[in-house]
Amino acid sequence: MIGKYKLRRNIERATAFKVVCAIIGSDEGNQEREFQNLKSMRQWIDRNGELFGLLVLNTLTLIDGEWEPFTTIGKKTITLSDLESIVRNLREDYKPSEIEK
């Protein structure tokens, strides 16, 4: 039971953020840009996305020295490993009831 609950990679512990993007219609390939906080990264994407035709390929966060993909669902920002853990726990806890005939 103890092994089921491991330390989650909370986005609050992130020390850096990175966006991997491509410019639409350009042959330059993928570009990476690092930011100190999530707000700066979001502002940069909002300001430059439409202007330069940026296509955001991936968003990463640096937690405990490891780059981890993350996403925002509604107002909640969550890492990929946390999302996978939540889904796995939901599948383990869900037991369909048998319909009596």
PDB file of N, CA and C in Angstrom:
ATOM      1  N   MET A   1       0.824  -1.198   0.000  1.00  0.00           N
ATOM      2  CA  MET A   1       0.000   0.000   0.000  1.00  0.00           C
ATOM      3  C   MET A   1       0.864   1.256   0.000  1.00  0.00           C
ATOM      4  N   ILE A   2       1.996   1.231   0.668  1.00  0.00           N
ATOM      5  CA  ILE A   2       2.849   2.407   0.724  1.00  0.00           C
ATOM      6  C   ILE A   2       3.441   2.713  -0.645  1.00  0.00           C
ATOM      7  N   GLY A   3       3.772   1.691  -1.437  1.00  0.00           N
ATOM      8  CA  GLY A   3       4.355   1.884  -2.753  1.00  0.00           C
ATOM      9  C   GLY A   3       3.417   2.567  -3.728  1.00  0.00           C
ATOM     10  N   LYS A   4       2.105   2.513  -3.448  1.00  0.00           N
ATOM     11  CA  LYS A   4       1.115   3.108  -4.335  1.00  0.00           C
ATOM     12  C   LYS A   4       1.227   4.635  -4.358  1.00  0.00           C
ATOM     13  N   TYR A   5       1.620   5.215  -3.249  1.00  0.00           N
ATOM     14  CA  TYR A   5       1.701   6.666  -3.141  1.00  0.00           C
ATOM     15  C   TYR A   5       3.152   7.108  -3.194  1.00  0.00           C
ATOM     16  N   LYS A   6       3.602   7.533  -4.342  1.00  0.00           N
ATOM     17  CA  LYS A   6       4.967   8.031  -4.443  1.00  0.00           C
ATOM     18  C   LYS A   6       4.934   9.549  -4.565  1.00  0.00           C
ATOM     19  N   LEU A   7       6.069  10.166  -4.370  1.00  0.00           N
ATOM     20  CA  LEU A   7       6.173  11.621  -4.423  1.00  0.00           C
ATOM     21  C   LEU A   7       5.785  12.126  -5.802  1.00  0.00           C
ATOM     22  N   ARG A   8       4.811  13.000  -5.854  1.00  0.00           N
ATOM     23  CA  ARG A   8       4.361  13.538  -7.125  1.00  0.00           C
ATOM     24  C   ARG A   8       5.279  14.681  -7.559  1.00  0.00           C
ATOM     25  N   ARG A   9       5.367  14.878  -8.841  1.00  0.00           N
ATOM     26  CA  ARG A   9       6.203  15.937  -9.399  1.00  0.00           C
ATOM     27  C   ARG A   9       5.378  17.214  -9.510  1.00  0.00           C
ATOM     28  N   ASN A  10       5.129  17.841  -8.390  1.00  0.00           N
ATOM     29  CA  ASN A  10       4.302  19.044  -8.370  1.00  0.00           C
ATOM     30  C   ASN A  10       4.918  20.148  -9.204  1.00  0.00           C
ATOM     31  N   ILE A  11       4.085  20.809  -9.956  1.00  0.00           N
ATOM     32  CA  ILE A  11       4.529  21.888 -10.836  1.00  0.00           C
ATOM     33  C   ILE A  11       5.069  23.060 -10.010  1.00  0.00           C
ATOM     34  N   GLU A  12       4.666  23.154  -8.740  1.00  0.00           N
ATOM     35  CA  GLU A  12       5.141  24.232  -7.870  1.00  0.00           C
ATOM     36  C   GLU A  12       6.637  24.109  -7.581  1.00  0.00           C
ATOM     37  N   ARG A  13       7.194  22.909  -7.721  1.00  0.00           N
ATOM     38  CA  ARG A  13       8.623  22.708  -7.467  1.00  0.00           C
ATOM     39  C   ARG A  13       9.479  22.946  -8.705  1.00  0.00           C
ATOM     40  N   ALA A  14       8.872  23.371  -9.794  1.00  0.00           N
ATOM     41  CA  ALA A  14       9.607  23.585 -11.042  1.00  0.00           C
ATOM     42  C   ALA A  14      10.572  24.757 -10.912  1.00  0.00           C
ATOM     43  N   THR A  15      11.761  24.596 -11.480  1.00  0.00           N
ATOM     44  CA  THR A  15      12.769  25.653 -11.435  1.00  0.00           C
ATOM     45  C   THR A  15      12.967  26.328 -12.781  1.00  0.00           C
ATOM     46  N   ALA A  16      12.482  25.727 -13.866  1.00  0.00           N
ATOM     47  CA  ALA A  16      12.586  26.323 -15.196  1.00  0.00           C
ATOM     48  C   ALA A  16      11.515  25.717 -16.094  1.00  0.00           C
ATOM     49  N   PHE A  17      11.218  26.426 -17.174  1.00  0.00           N
ATOM     50  CA  PHE A  17      10.233  25.974 -18.145  1.00  0.00           C
ATOM     51  C   PHE A  17      10.827  26.104 -19.530  1.00  0.00           C
ATOM     52  N   LYS A  18      10.415  25.210 -20.414  1.00  0.00           N
ATOM     53  CA  LYS A  18      10.940  25.227 -21.781  1.00  0.00           C
ATOM     54  C   LYS A  18       9.795  24.982 -22.745  1.00  0.00           C
ATOM     55  N   VAL A  19       9.809  25.705 -23.861  1.00  0.00           N
ATOM     56  CA  VAL A  19       8.835  25.474 -24.918  1.00  0.00           C
ATOM     57  C   VAL A  19       9.594  25.064 -26.173  1.00  0.00           C
ATOM     58  N   VAL A  20       9.103  24.031 -26.825  1.00  0.00           N
ATOM     59  CA  VAL A  20       9.660  23.577 -28.099  1.00  0.00           C
ATOM     60  C   VAL A  20       8.622  23.931 -29.153  1.00  0.00           C
ATOM     61  N   CYS A  21       9.021  24.729 -30.140  1.00  0.00           N
ATOM     62  CA  CYS A  21       8.071  25.199 -31.133  1.00  0.00           C
ATOM     63  C   CYS A  21       8.692  25.184 -32.524  1.00  0.00           C
ATOM     64  N   ALA A  22       7.829  25.302 -33.516  1.00  0.00           N
ATOM     65  CA  ALA A  22       8.254  25.392 -34.909  1.00  0.00           C
ATOM     66  C   ALA A  22       7.553  26.591 -35.524  1.00  0.00           C
ATOM     67  N   ILE A  23       8.215  27.234 -36.472  1.00  0.00           N
ATOM     68  CA  ILE A  23       7.612  28.351 -37.179  1.00  0.00           C
ATOM     69  C   ILE A  23       6.970  27.805 -38.451  1.00  0.00           C
ATOM     70  N   ILE A  24       5.682  28.079 -38.616  1.00  0.00           N
ATOM     71  CA  ILE A  24       4.943  27.553 -39.756  1.00  0.00           C
ATOM     72  C   ILE A  24       5.505  28.156 -41.043  1.00  0.00           C
ATOM     73  N   GLY A  25       5.784  27.308 -42.016  1.00  0.00           N
ATOM     74  CA  GLY A  25       6.299  27.748 -43.305  1.00  0.00           C
ATOM     75  C   GLY A  25       7.793  28.002 -43.320  1.00  0.00           C
ATOM     76  N   SER A  26       8.500  27.604 -42.283  1.00  0.00           N
ATOM     77  CA  SER A  26       9.938  27.812 -42.197  1.00  0.00           C
ATOM     78  C   SER A  26      10.657  26.467 -42.195  1.00  0.00           C
ATOM     79  N   ASP A  27      11.862  26.451 -42.753  1.00  0.00           N
ATOM     80  CA  ASP A  27      12.667  25.235 -42.783  1.00  0.00           C
ATOM     81  C   ASP A  27      13.724  25.215 -41.683  1.00  0.00           C
ATOM     82  N   GLU A  28      13.605  26.091 -40.696  1.00  0.00           N
ATOM     83  CA  GLU A  28      14.605  26.195 -39.633  1.00  0.00           C
ATOM     84  C   GLU A  28      14.585  25.023 -38.667  1.00  0.00           C
ATOM     85  N   GLY A  29      13.513  24.271 -38.621  1.00  0.00           N
ATOM     86  CA  GLY A  29      13.406  23.165 -37.678  1.00  0.00           C
ATOM     87  C   GLY A  29      12.828  23.640 -36.350  1.00  0.00           C
ATOM     88  N   ASN A  30      12.902  22.773 -35.357  1.00  0.00           N
ATOM     89  CA  ASN A  30      12.347  23.082 -34.044  1.00  0.00           C
ATOM     90  C   ASN A  30      13.254  24.047 -33.290  1.00  0.00           C
ATOM     91  N   GLN A  31      12.623  24.957 -32.566  1.00  0.00           N
ATOM     92  CA  GLN A  31      13.347  25.913 -31.735  1.00  0.00           C
ATOM     93  C   GLN A  31      12.949  25.708 -30.285  1.00  0.00           C
ATOM     94  N   GLU A  32      13.912  25.905 -29.387  1.00  0.00           N
ATOM     95  CA  GLU A  32      13.643  25.792 -27.950  1.00  0.00           C
ATOM     96  C   GLU A  32      13.909  27.131 -27.292  1.00  0.00           C
ATOM     97  N   ARG A  33      13.110  27.427 -26.285  1.00  0.00           N
ATOM     98  CA  ARG A  33      13.316  28.655 -25.520  1.00  0.00           C
ATOM     99  C   ARG A  33      13.005  28.349 -24.059  1.00  0.00           C
ATOM    100  N   GLU A  34      13.903  28.772 -23.167  1.00  0.00           N
ATOM    101  CA  GLU A  34      13.722  28.532 -21.730  1.00  0.00           C
ATOM    102  C   GLU A  34      13.231  29.785 -21.023  1.00  0.00           C
ATOM    103  N   PHE A  35      12.479  29.561 -19.949  1.00  0.00           N
ATOM    104  CA  PHE A  35      11.919  30.639 -19.146  1.00  0.00           C
ATOM    105  C   PHE A  35      12.097  30.317 -17.670  1.00  0.00           C
ATOM    106  N   GLN A  36      12.106  31.357 -16.842  1.00  0.00           N
ATOM    107  CA  GLN A  36      12.257  31.177 -15.401  1.00  0.00           C
ATOM    108  C   GLN A  36      10.945  30.838 -14.717  1.00  0.00           C
ATOM    109  N   ASN A  37       9.824  31.240 -15.318  1.00  0.00           N
ATOM    110  CA  ASN A  37       8.536  30.915 -14.704  1.00  0.00           C
ATOM    111  C   ASN A  37       7.479  30.670 -15.773  1.00  0.00           C
ATOM    112  N   LEU A  38       6.398  30.059 -15.361  1.00  0.00           N
ATOM    113  CA  LEU A  38       5.331  29.665 -16.267  1.00  0.00           C
ATOM    114  C   LEU A  38       4.629  30.874 -16.874  1.00  0.00           C
ATOM    115  N   LYS A  39       4.448  31.913 -16.093  1.00  0.00           N
ATOM    116  CA  LYS A  39       3.777  33.115 -16.576  1.00  0.00           C
ATOM    117  C   LYS A  39       4.539  33.739 -17.745  1.00  0.00           C
ATOM    118  N   SER A  40       5.857  33.818 -17.638  1.00  0.00           N
ATOM    119  CA  SER A  40       6.667  34.381 -18.724  1.00  0.00           C
ATOM    120  C   SER A  40       6.542  33.549 -19.993  1.00  0.00           C
ATOM    121  N   MET A  41       6.532  32.225 -19.841  1.00  0.00           N
ATOM    122  CA  MET A  41       6.409  31.357 -21.005  1.00  0.00           C
ATOM    123  C   MET A  41       5.059  31.542 -21.683  1.00  0.00           C
ATOM    124  N   ARG A  42       4.002  31.583 -20.904  1.00  0.00           N
ATOM    125  CA  ARG A  42       2.659  31.775 -21.478  1.00  0.00           C
ATOM    126  C   ARG A  42       2.542  33.120 -22.181  1.00  0.00           C
ATOM    127  N   GLN A  43       3.095  34.173 -21.582  1.00  0.00           N
ATOM    128  CA  GLN A  43       3.045  35.489 -22.205  1.00  0.00           C
ATOM    129  C   GLN A  43       3.808  35.502 -23.524  1.00  0.00           C
ATOM    130  N   TRP A  44       4.972  34.863 -23.571  1.00  0.00           N
ATOM    131  CA  TRP A  44       5.773  34.820 -24.782  1.00  0.00           C
ATOM    132  C   TRP A  44       5.033  34.079 -25.901  1.00  0.00           C
ATOM    133  N   ILE A  45       4.396  32.961 -25.541  1.00  0.00           N
ATOM    134  CA  ILE A  45       3.631  32.200 -26.536  1.00  0.00           C
ATOM    135  C   ILE A  45       2.461  33.028 -27.049  1.00  0.00           C
ATOM    136  N   ASP A  46       1.745  33.702 -26.146  1.00  0.00           N
ATOM    137  CA  ASP A  46       0.602  34.513 -26.553  1.00  0.00           C
ATOM    138  C   ASP A  46       1.016  35.672 -27.457  1.00  0.00           C
ATOM    139  N   ARG A  47       2.123  36.313 -27.134  1.00  0.00           N
ATOM    140  CA  ARG A  47       2.571  37.471 -27.911  1.00  0.00           C
ATOM    141  C   ARG A  47       3.147  37.093 -29.268  1.00  0.00           C
ATOM    142  N   ASN A  48       3.860  35.981 -29.333  1.00  0.00           N
ATOM    143  CA  ASN A  48       4.561  35.622 -30.558  1.00  0.00           C
ATOM    144  C   ASN A  48       3.862  34.550 -31.387  1.00  0.00           C
ATOM    145  N   GLY A  49       2.874  33.900 -30.829  1.00  0.00           N
ATOM    146  CA  GLY A  49       2.196  32.811 -31.526  1.00  0.00           C
ATOM    147  C   GLY A  49       1.558  33.238 -32.827  1.00  0.00           C
ATOM    148  N   GLU A  50       0.707  34.239 -32.773  1.00  0.00           N
ATOM    149  CA  GLU A  50       0.017  34.704 -33.973  1.00  0.00           C
ATOM    150  C   GLU A  50       0.921  35.546 -34.858  1.00  0.00           C
ATOM    151  N   LEU A  51       1.802  36.308 -34.254  1.00  0.00           N
ATOM    152  CA  LEU A  51       2.663  37.215 -35.008  1.00  0.00           C
ATOM    153  C   LEU A  51       3.621  36.468 -35.931  1.00  0.00           C
ATOM    154  N   PHE A  52       4.259  35.416 -35.414  1.00  0.00           N
ATOM    155  CA  PHE A  52       5.257  34.690 -36.191  1.00  0.00           C
ATOM    156  C   PHE A  52       4.764  33.326 -36.671  1.00  0.00           C
ATOM    157  N   GLY A  53       3.549  32.952 -36.357  1.00  0.00           N
ATOM    158  CA  GLY A  53       3.029  31.658 -36.760  1.00  0.00           C
ATOM    159  C   GLY A  53       3.708  30.506 -36.032  1.00  0.00           C
ATOM    160  N   LEU A  54       3.822  30.627 -34.722  1.00  0.00           N
ATOM    161  CA  LEU A  54       4.454  29.571 -33.924  1.00  0.00           C
ATOM    162  C   LEU A  54       3.499  28.408 -33.716  1.00  0.00           C
ATOM    163  N   LEU A  55       4.031  27.221 -33.844  1.00  0.00           N
ATOM    164  CA  LEU A  55       3.299  26.009 -33.542  1.00  0.00           C
ATOM    165  C   LEU A  55       3.988  25.371 -32.341  1.00  0.00           C
ATOM    166  N   VAL A  56       3.326  25.381 -31.186  1.00  0.00           N
ATOM    167  CA  VAL A  56       3.909  24.828 -29.960  1.00  0.00           C
ATOM    168  C   VAL A  56       3.857  23.308 -30.036  1.00  0.00           C
ATOM    169  N   LEU A  57       5.024  22.680 -30.012  1.00  0.00           N
ATOM    170  CA  LEU A  57       5.110  21.230 -30.107  1.00  0.00           C
ATOM    171  C   LEU A  57       5.110  20.564 -28.747  1.00  0.00           C
ATOM    172  N   ASN A  58       5.781  21.190 -27.765  1.00  0.00           N
ATOM    173  CA  ASN A  58       5.900  20.571 -26.450  1.00  0.00           C
ATOM    174  C   ASN A  58       6.206  21.641 -25.418  1.00  0.00           C
ATOM    175  N   THR A  59       5.682  21.458 -24.215  1.00  0.00           N
ATOM    176  CA  THR A  59       6.019  22.314 -23.086  1.00  0.00           C
ATOM    177  C   THR A  59       6.619  21.424 -22.010  1.00  0.00           C
ATOM    178  N   LEU A  60       7.763  21.836 -21.473  1.00  0.00           N
ATOM    179  CA  LEU A  60       8.497  21.042 -20.488  1.00  0.00           C
ATOM    180  C   LEU A  60       8.774  21.873 -19.249  1.00  0.00           C
ATOM    181  N   THR A  61       8.915  21.193 -18.128  1.00  0.00           N
ATOM    182  CA  THR A  61       9.284  21.853 -16.881  1.00  0.00           C
ATOM    183  C   THR A  61      10.430  21.086 -16.234  1.00  0.00           C
ATOM    184  N   LEU A  62      11.314  21.811 -15.582  1.00  0.00           N
ATOM    185  CA  LEU A  62      12.466  21.202 -14.915  1.00  0.00           C
ATOM    186  C   LEU A  62      12.136  21.015 -13.441  1.00  0.00           C
ATOM    187  N   ILE A  63      11.967  19.744 -13.042  1.00  0.00           N
ATOM    188  CA  ILE A  63      11.652  19.405 -11.659  1.00  0.00           C
ATOM    189  C   ILE A  63      12.691  18.398 -11.182  1.00  0.00           C
ATOM    190  N   ASP A  64      13.393  18.746 -10.128  1.00  0.00           N
ATOM    191  CA  ASP A  64      14.426  17.875  -9.549  1.00  0.00           C
ATOM    192  C   ASP A  64      15.470  17.465 -10.582  1.00  0.00           C
ATOM    193  N   GLY A  65      15.855  18.387 -11.455  1.00  0.00           N
ATOM    194  CA  GLY A  65      16.904  18.134 -12.440  1.00  0.00           C
ATOM    195  C   GLY A  65      16.473  17.307 -13.637  1.00  0.00           C
ATOM    196  N   GLU A  66      15.182  17.091 -13.815  1.00  0.00           N
ATOM    197  CA  GLU A  66      14.679  16.271 -14.916  1.00  0.00           C
ATOM    198  C   GLU A  66      13.587  17.035 -15.671  1.00  0.00           C
ATOM    199  N   TRP A  67      13.693  17.078 -17.005  1.00  0.00           N
ATOM    200  CA  TRP A  67      12.682  17.750 -17.819  1.00  0.00           C
ATOM    201  C   TRP A  67      11.466  16.853 -17.943  1.00  0.00           C
ATOM    202  N   GLU A  68      10.309  17.402 -17.614  1.00  0.00           N
ATOM    203  CA  GLU A  68       9.061  16.644 -17.587  1.00  0.00           C
ATOM    204  C   GLU A  68       8.009  17.372 -18.436  1.00  0.00           C
ATOM    205  N   PRO A  69       7.341  16.685 -19.372  1.00  0.00           N
ATOM    206  CA  PRO A  69       6.265  17.320 -20.131  1.00  0.00           C
ATOM    207  C   PRO A  69       5.099  17.668 -19.204  1.00  0.00           C
ATOM    208  N   PHE A  70       4.399  18.746 -19.519  1.00  0.00           N
ATOM    209  CA  PHE A  70       3.230  19.117 -18.727  1.00  0.00           C
ATOM    210  C   PHE A  70       2.171  19.717 -19.628  1.00  0.00           C
ATOM    211  N   THR A  71       0.971  19.810 -19.106  1.00  0.00           N
ATOM    212  CA  THR A  71      -0.136  20.406 -19.824  1.00  0.00           C
ATOM    213  C   THR A  71      -1.026  21.156 -18.842  1.00  0.00           C
ATOM    214  N   THR A  72      -1.909  21.963 -19.372  1.00  0.00           N
ATOM    215  CA  THR A  72      -2.876  22.683 -18.553  1.00  0.00           C
ATOM    216  C   THR A  72      -4.264  22.212 -18.947  1.00  0.00           C
ATOM    217  N   ILE A  73      -5.016  21.745 -17.958  1.00  0.00           N
ATOM    218  CA  ILE A  73      -6.392  21.309 -18.163  1.00  0.00           C
ATOM    219  C   ILE A  73      -7.270  22.248 -17.353  1.00  0.00           C
ATOM    220  N   GLY A  74      -8.015  23.070 -18.039  1.00  0.00           N
ATOM    221  CA  GLY A  74      -8.775  24.111 -17.354  1.00  0.00           C
ATOM    222  C   GLY A  74      -7.813  25.118 -16.751  1.00  0.00           C
ATOM    223  N   LYS A  75      -7.814  25.252 -15.442  1.00  0.00           N
ATOM    224  CA  LYS A  75      -6.871  26.134 -14.759  1.00  0.00           C
ATOM    225  C   LYS A  75      -5.794  25.359 -14.021  1.00  0.00           C
ATOM    226  N   LYS A  76      -5.835  24.043 -14.118  1.00  0.00           N
ATOM    227  CA  LYS A  76      -4.890  23.180 -13.408  1.00  0.00           C
ATOM    228  C   LYS A  76      -3.739  22.790 -14.334  1.00  0.00           C
ATOM    229  N   THR A  77      -2.510  23.062 -13.905  1.00  0.00           N
ATOM    230  CA  THR A  77      -1.316  22.660 -14.646  1.00  0.00           C
ATOM    231  C   THR A  77      -0.790  21.388 -14.007  1.00  0.00           C
ATOM    232  N   ILE A  78      -0.569  20.363 -14.831  1.00  0.00           N
ATOM    233  CA  ILE A  78      -0.203  19.047 -14.308  1.00  0.00           C
ATOM    234  C   ILE A  78       0.860  18.415 -15.204  1.00  0.00           C
ATOM    235  N   THR A  79       1.793  17.697 -14.558  1.00  0.00           N
ATOM    236  CA  THR A  79       2.841  17.021 -15.320  1.00  0.00           C
ATOM    237  C   THR A  79       2.290  15.721 -15.901  1.00  0.00           C
ATOM    238  N   LEU A  80       2.953  15.234 -16.932  1.00  0.00           N
ATOM    239  CA  LEU A  80       2.515  14.010 -17.593  1.00  0.00           C
ATOM    240  C   LEU A  80       2.579  12.809 -16.649  1.00  0.00           C
ATOM    241  N   SER A  81       3.628  12.714 -15.828  1.00  0.00           N
ATOM    242  CA  SER A  81       3.738  11.576 -14.910  1.00  0.00           C
ATOM    243  C   SER A  81       2.613  11.591 -13.868  1.00  0.00           C
ATOM    244  N   ASP A  82       2.233  12.774 -13.382  1.00  0.00           N
ATOM    245  CA  ASP A  82       1.119  12.862 -12.437  1.00  0.00           C
ATOM    246  C   ASP A  82      -0.191  12.454 -13.106  1.00  0.00           C
ATOM    247  N   LEU A  83      -0.390  12.884 -14.341  1.00  0.00           N
ATOM    248  CA  LEU A  83      -1.606  12.543 -15.073  1.00  0.00           C
ATOM    249  C   LEU A  83      -1.691  11.034 -15.306  1.00  0.00           C
ATOM    250  N   GLU A  84      -0.578  10.416 -15.677  1.00  0.00           N
ATOM    251  CA  GLU A  84      -0.553   8.959 -15.859  1.00  0.00           C
ATOM    252  C   GLU A  84      -0.838   8.231 -14.556  1.00  0.00           C
ATOM    253  N   SER A  85      -0.314   8.743 -13.444  1.00  0.00           N
ATOM    254  CA  SER A  85      -0.544   8.144 -12.134  1.00  0.00           C
ATOM    255  C   SER A  85      -2.018   8.230 -11.746  1.00  0.00           C
ATOM    256  N   ILE A  86      -2.647   9.366 -12.007  1.00  0.00           N
ATOM    257  CA  ILE A  86      -4.069   9.539 -11.694  1.00  0.00           C
ATOM    258  C   ILE A  86      -4.912   8.565 -12.513  1.00  0.00           C
ATOM    259  N   VAL A  87      -4.610   8.448 -13.799  1.00  0.00           N
ATOM    260  CA  VAL A  87      -5.358   7.537 -14.667  1.00  0.00           C
ATOM    261  C   VAL A  87      -5.177   6.093 -14.206  1.00  0.00           C
ATOM    262  N   ARG A  88      -3.965   5.708 -13.870  1.00  0.00           N
ATOM    263  CA  ARG A  88      -3.701   4.340 -13.403  1.00  0.00           C
ATOM    264  C   ARG A  88      -4.483   4.048 -12.118  1.00  0.00           C
ATOM    265  N   ASN A  89      -4.500   5.008 -11.185  1.00  0.00           N
ATOM    266  CA  ASN A  89      -5.245   4.816  -9.936  1.00  0.00           C
ATOM    267  C   ASN A  89      -6.744   4.724 -10.182  1.00  0.00           C
ATOM    268  N   LEU A  90      -7.252   5.523 -11.118  1.00  0.00           N
ATOM    269  CA  LEU A  90      -8.676   5.454 -11.435  1.00  0.00           C
ATOM    270  C   LEU A  90      -9.037   4.099 -12.034  1.00  0.00           C
ATOM    271  N   ARG A  91      -8.173   3.579 -12.894  1.00  0.00           N
ATOM    272  CA  ARG A  91      -8.445   2.270 -13.498  1.00  0.00           C
ATOM    273  C   ARG A  91      -8.396   1.156 -12.455  1.00  0.00           C
ATOM    274  N   GLU A  92      -7.482   1.243 -11.487  1.00  0.00           N
ATOM    275  CA  GLU A  92      -7.385   0.233 -10.441  1.00  0.00           C
ATOM    276  C   GLU A  92      -8.584   0.289  -9.497  1.00  0.00           C
ATOM    277  N   ASP A  93      -9.059   1.492  -9.198  1.00  0.00           N
ATOM    278  CA  ASP A  93     -10.165   1.657  -8.260  1.00  0.00           C
ATOM    279  C   ASP A  93     -11.517   1.350  -8.887  1.00  0.00           C
ATOM    280  N   TYR A  94     -11.629   1.479 -10.198  1.00  0.00           N
ATOM    281  CA  TYR A  94     -12.911   1.271 -10.869  1.00  0.00           C
ATOM    282  C   TYR A  94     -13.156  -0.210 -11.069  1.00  0.00           C
ATOM    283  N   LYS A  95     -14.251  -0.675 -10.538  1.00  0.00           N
ATOM    284  CA  LYS A  95     -14.647  -2.066 -10.725  1.00  0.00           C
ATOM    285  C   LYS A  95     -16.092  -2.051 -11.192  1.00  0.00           C
ATOM    286  N   PRO A  96     -16.326  -2.438 -12.432  1.00  0.00           N
ATOM    287  CA  PRO A  96     -17.695  -2.398 -12.939  1.00  0.00           C
ATOM    288  C   PRO A  96     -18.603  -3.374 -12.167  1.00  0.00           C
ATOM    289  N   SER A  97     -19.803  -2.933 -11.885  1.00  0.00           N
ATOM    290  CA  SER A  97     -20.749  -3.805 -11.159  1.00  0.00           C
ATOM    291  C   SER A  97     -21.365  -4.792 -12.138  1.00  0.00           C
ATOM    292  N   GLU A  98     -21.626  -5.967 -11.606  1.00  0.00           N
ATOM    293  CA  GLU A  98     -22.234  -6.997 -12.437  1.00  0.00           C
ATOM    294  C   GLU A  98     -23.736  -6.784 -12.488  1.00  0.00           C
ATOM    295  N   ILE A  99     -24.259  -6.836 -13.666  1.00  0.00           N
ATOM    296  CA  ILE A  99     -25.709  -6.654 -13.849  1.00  0.00           C
ATOM    297  C   ILE A  99     -26.365  -8.022 -13.722  1.00  0.00           C
ATOM    298  N   GLU A 100     -27.316  -8.104 -12.796  1.00  0.00           N
ATOM    299  CA  GLU A 100     -28.012  -9.377 -12.592  1.00  0.00           C
ATOM    300  C   GLU A 100     -29.088  -9.539 -13.653  1.00  0.00           C
ATOM    301  N   LYS A 101     -29.135 -10.732 -14.201  1.00  0.00           N
ATOM    302  CA  LYS A 101     -30.137 -10.997 -15.229  1.00  0.00           C
ATOM    303  C   LYS A 101     -31.177 -11.949 -14.732  1.00  0.00           C
TER     304      LYS A 101
END
